[in-house]
Amino acid sequence: MRVTIILAVLLPAVLCGDHLSGYEEDHSHDLSLVKFGQLCSGNPTNRKRGCDGHGWGCGHYGARRTHGRHKGLDIVCNDGAVVYAPFDLKLDGPAAAYRNPTALQTLINDGVRFSGEGLCVELFYVKPDRYRGSLKKGQRIGRLLPMQKVYRRITSHTHVQMCDESNPTNYF
């Protein structure tokens, strides 16, 4: 009797499911499938910045900072290295890490906001060749600014931050 009741309730739900109606979801823009291509020359695997032993903290999302938590992910990139488009994208304008930079921080307070693959991203510590337009995956965005002049002995890096401040780690 119990089996009959369970089947009577479940069978209509199964028969009306999307998989039998011919409907299939389009997963071509499933964000969990998006992966960033190489960001910096000299770092083909997008190696993440670990923890620096010189008081500069760690590069992972959520790392402790003096004023809260780290809202992005740091990808190792040498000063002056070429920074590449990680996927086909649209450049949406400038982005800056600091609202009120010190005199030294102004040397690296540049970056670019871009969108593509259903994502909106801000890339800091980069001098872009331009702030508007479109780029194909692998094309040059610009060059990494001189981090060593501002933060001596830090692991030089670009900071990848999602526009909504969500965790970008799974895209790498």
Protein backbone atom coordinates (compact mmCIF):
# COMPACT_ATOMS: atom_id res chain seq x y z
CA MET A 1 0.00 0.00 0.00
CA ARG A 2 2.80 2.46 0.93
CA VAL A 3 4.67 1.70 -2.29
CA THR A 4 1.53 2.38 -4.33
CA ILE A 5 0.98 5.74 -2.64
CA ILE A 6 4.61 6.76 -3.09
CA LEU A 7 4.51 5.77 -6.77
CA ALA A 8 1.22 7.62 -7.27
CA VAL A 9 2.81 10.80 -5.89
CA LEU A 10 6.25 10.52 -7.52
CA LEU A 11 5.36 9.15 -10.96
CA PRO A 12 3.54 12.29 -12.23
CA ALA A 13 6.41 14.50 -11.03
CA VAL A 14 8.93 12.37 -12.90
CA LEU A 15 6.86 12.22 -16.07
CA CYS A 16 6.44 16.00 -16.11
CA GLY A 17 10.17 16.64 -15.64
CA ASP A 18 12.04 18.85 -18.09
CA HIS A 19 14.16 15.96 -19.35
CA LEU A 20 11.07 14.29 -20.82
CA SER A 21 9.54 17.46 -22.21
CA GLY A 22 12.44 18.00 -24.62
CA TYR A 23 13.73 21.03 -22.70
CA GLU A 24 17.46 21.08 -22.02
CA GLU A 25 19.30 23.80 -20.15
CA ASP A 26 22.04 25.68 -21.97
CA HIS A 27 25.20 25.32 -19.84
CA SER A 28 27.45 27.16 -22.29
CA HIS A 29 27.71 30.11 -19.87
CA ASP A 30 27.68 28.10 -16.65
CA LEU A 31 29.98 30.28 -14.53
CA SER A 32 31.43 27.24 -12.78
CA LEU A 33 32.99 26.28 -16.12
CA VAL A 34 34.71 29.64 -16.75
CA LYS A 35 38.49 29.48 -16.27
CA PHE A 36 40.89 32.37 -16.62
CA GLY A 37 43.59 32.03 -19.23
CA GLN A 38 47.15 33.18 -18.51
CA LEU A 39 47.13 36.64 -16.90
CA CYS A 40 50.85 37.50 -16.78
CA SER A 41 53.88 36.78 -18.93
CA GLY A 42 56.21 34.56 -16.92
CA ASN A 43 53.32 32.86 -15.07
CA PRO A 44 51.58 30.49 -17.52
CA THR A 45 49.75 28.62 -14.72
CA ASN A 46 48.40 31.72 -12.91
CA ARG A 47 50.28 30.82 -9.72
CA LYS A 48 48.62 32.48 -6.73
CA ARG A 49 50.56 34.65 -4.29
CA GLY A 50 51.00 32.87 -0.98
CA CYS A 51 51.91 34.58 2.29
CA ASP A 52 54.85 36.97 2.27
CA GLY A 53 57.21 36.74 5.22
CA HIS A 54 57.82 40.49 5.32
CA GLY A 55 54.57 41.64 6.87
CA TRP A 56 52.69 42.07 3.61
CA GLY A 57 50.09 39.41 4.35
CA CYS A 58 48.64 36.70 2.13
CA GLY A 59 47.15 36.80 -1.35
CA HIS A 60 44.16 34.48 -0.99
CA TYR A 61 40.56 35.69 -0.95
CA GLY A 62 39.41 36.53 2.56
CA ALA A 63 42.93 36.96 4.01
CA ARG A 64 43.07 39.27 7.03
CA ARG A 65 43.89 42.91 6.37
CA THR A 66 44.25 45.88 8.72
CA HIS A 67 40.89 47.21 7.54
CA GLY A 68 38.86 44.03 7.00
CA ARG A 69 39.35 41.13 4.61
CA HIS A 70 41.12 40.76 1.26
CA LYS A 71 38.39 41.07 -1.37
CA GLY A 72 40.29 39.53 -4.26
CA LEU A 73 42.90 37.00 -5.30
CA ASP A 74 46.53 37.89 -6.02
CA ILE A 75 48.15 36.30 -9.07
CA VAL A 76 51.96 36.40 -9.21
CA CYS A 77 53.19 38.82 -11.85
CA ASN A 78 56.63 40.44 -12.14
CA ASP A 79 56.97 44.22 -12.21
CA GLY A 80 56.72 45.34 -15.84
CA ALA A 81 55.34 41.98 -17.04
CA VAL A 82 52.79 41.96 -19.85
CA VAL A 83 49.25 41.38 -18.58
CA TYR A 84 46.93 39.43 -20.92
CA ALA A 85 43.17 39.17 -21.41
CA PRO A 86 42.15 35.94 -19.62
CA PHE A 87 39.19 35.45 -22.00
CA ASP A 88 37.40 37.46 -24.70
CA LEU A 89 36.36 40.62 -22.91
CA LYS A 90 35.10 44.17 -23.05
CA LEU A 91 37.13 46.86 -21.28
CA ASP A 92 34.67 48.86 -19.16
CA GLY A 93 36.89 51.62 -17.73
CA PRO A 94 39.47 52.36 -15.06
CA ALA A 95 39.67 50.65 -11.65
CA ALA A 96 41.85 51.61 -8.70
CA ALA A 97 42.80 49.76 -5.55
CA TYR A 98 43.07 52.80 -3.28
CA ARG A 99 40.51 55.55 -2.65
CA ASN A 100 43.00 57.81 -0.87
CA PRO A 101 46.45 56.61 -1.92
CA THR A 102 49.66 57.69 -0.27
CA ALA A 103 52.25 59.40 -2.48
CA LEU A 104 53.97 56.03 -3.03
CA GLN A 105 50.72 54.15 -3.65
CA THR A 106 49.89 56.51 -6.52
CA LEU A 107 52.70 54.75 -8.45
CA ILE A 108 50.60 51.58 -8.61
CA ASN A 109 47.04 52.88 -8.20
CA ASP A 110 45.77 51.99 -11.65
CA GLY A 111 43.87 49.12 -13.18
CA VAL A 112 40.96 48.23 -15.41
CA ARG A 113 37.43 46.89 -15.09
CA PHE A 114 36.34 44.37 -17.71
CA SER A 115 33.49 42.00 -18.46
CA GLY A 116 33.01 38.82 -20.43
CA GLU A 117 31.91 35.20 -20.01
CA GLY A 118 29.15 36.48 -17.72
CA LEU A 119 31.70 37.95 -15.28
CA CYS A 120 32.63 41.47 -14.20
CA VAL A 121 36.22 41.80 -12.98
CA GLU A 122 38.53 44.52 -11.67
CA LEU A 123 42.26 44.07 -12.20
CA PHE A 124 44.52 46.25 -10.03
CA TYR A 125 48.18 47.33 -10.21
CA VAL A 126 48.10 47.28 -14.02
CA LYS A 127 48.74 50.14 -16.44
CA PRO A 128 46.33 49.28 -19.25
CA ASP A 129 47.12 50.26 -22.81
CA ARG A 130 43.54 51.57 -22.96
CA TYR A 131 40.42 51.58 -20.77
CA ARG A 132 37.73 50.97 -23.38
CA GLY A 133 37.27 48.54 -26.23
CA SER A 134 37.34 44.79 -26.75
CA LEU A 135 40.12 42.22 -26.51
CA LYS A 136 40.40 38.58 -27.47
CA LYS A 137 41.79 36.01 -25.04
CA GLY A 138 45.58 36.33 -24.87
CA GLN A 139 45.78 39.87 -26.22
CA ARG A 140 47.72 42.40 -24.20
CA ILE A 141 45.82 44.46 -21.61
CA GLY A 142 48.90 46.37 -20.42
CA ARG A 143 51.84 46.02 -17.99
CA LEU A 144 52.16 45.41 -14.26
CA LEU A 145 53.11 48.54 -12.35
CA PRO A 146 56.26 48.71 -10.14
CA MET A 147 55.07 47.07 -6.90
CA GLN A 148 58.61 46.77 -5.53
CA LYS A 149 58.91 50.57 -5.40
CA VAL A 150 55.89 50.70 -3.08
CA TYR A 151 56.01 47.40 -1.14
CA ARG A 152 59.65 46.33 -0.94
CA ARG A 153 60.13 42.53 -0.99
CA ILE A 154 56.44 41.74 -1.50
CA THR A 155 55.70 39.08 -4.12
CA SER A 156 54.71 41.27 -7.07
CA HIS A 157 51.23 40.47 -8.30
CA THR A 158 48.06 41.64 -9.95
CA HIS A 159 44.95 41.71 -7.79
CA VAL A 160 41.85 40.08 -9.32
CA GLN A 161 38.60 41.25 -7.75
CA MET A 162 35.07 40.43 -8.85
CA CYS A 163 32.91 43.56 -9.22
CA ASP A 164 30.45 42.12 -6.68
CA GLU A 165 33.37 41.22 -4.36
CA SER A 166 32.58 37.50 -4.52
CA ASN A 167 35.40 34.94 -4.39
CA PRO A 168 37.27 34.63 -7.74
CA THR A 169 39.35 31.57 -6.73
CA ASN A 170 37.27 28.96 -8.57
CA TYR A 171 37.90 30.72 -11.88
CA PHE A 172 41.61 29.80 -11.62
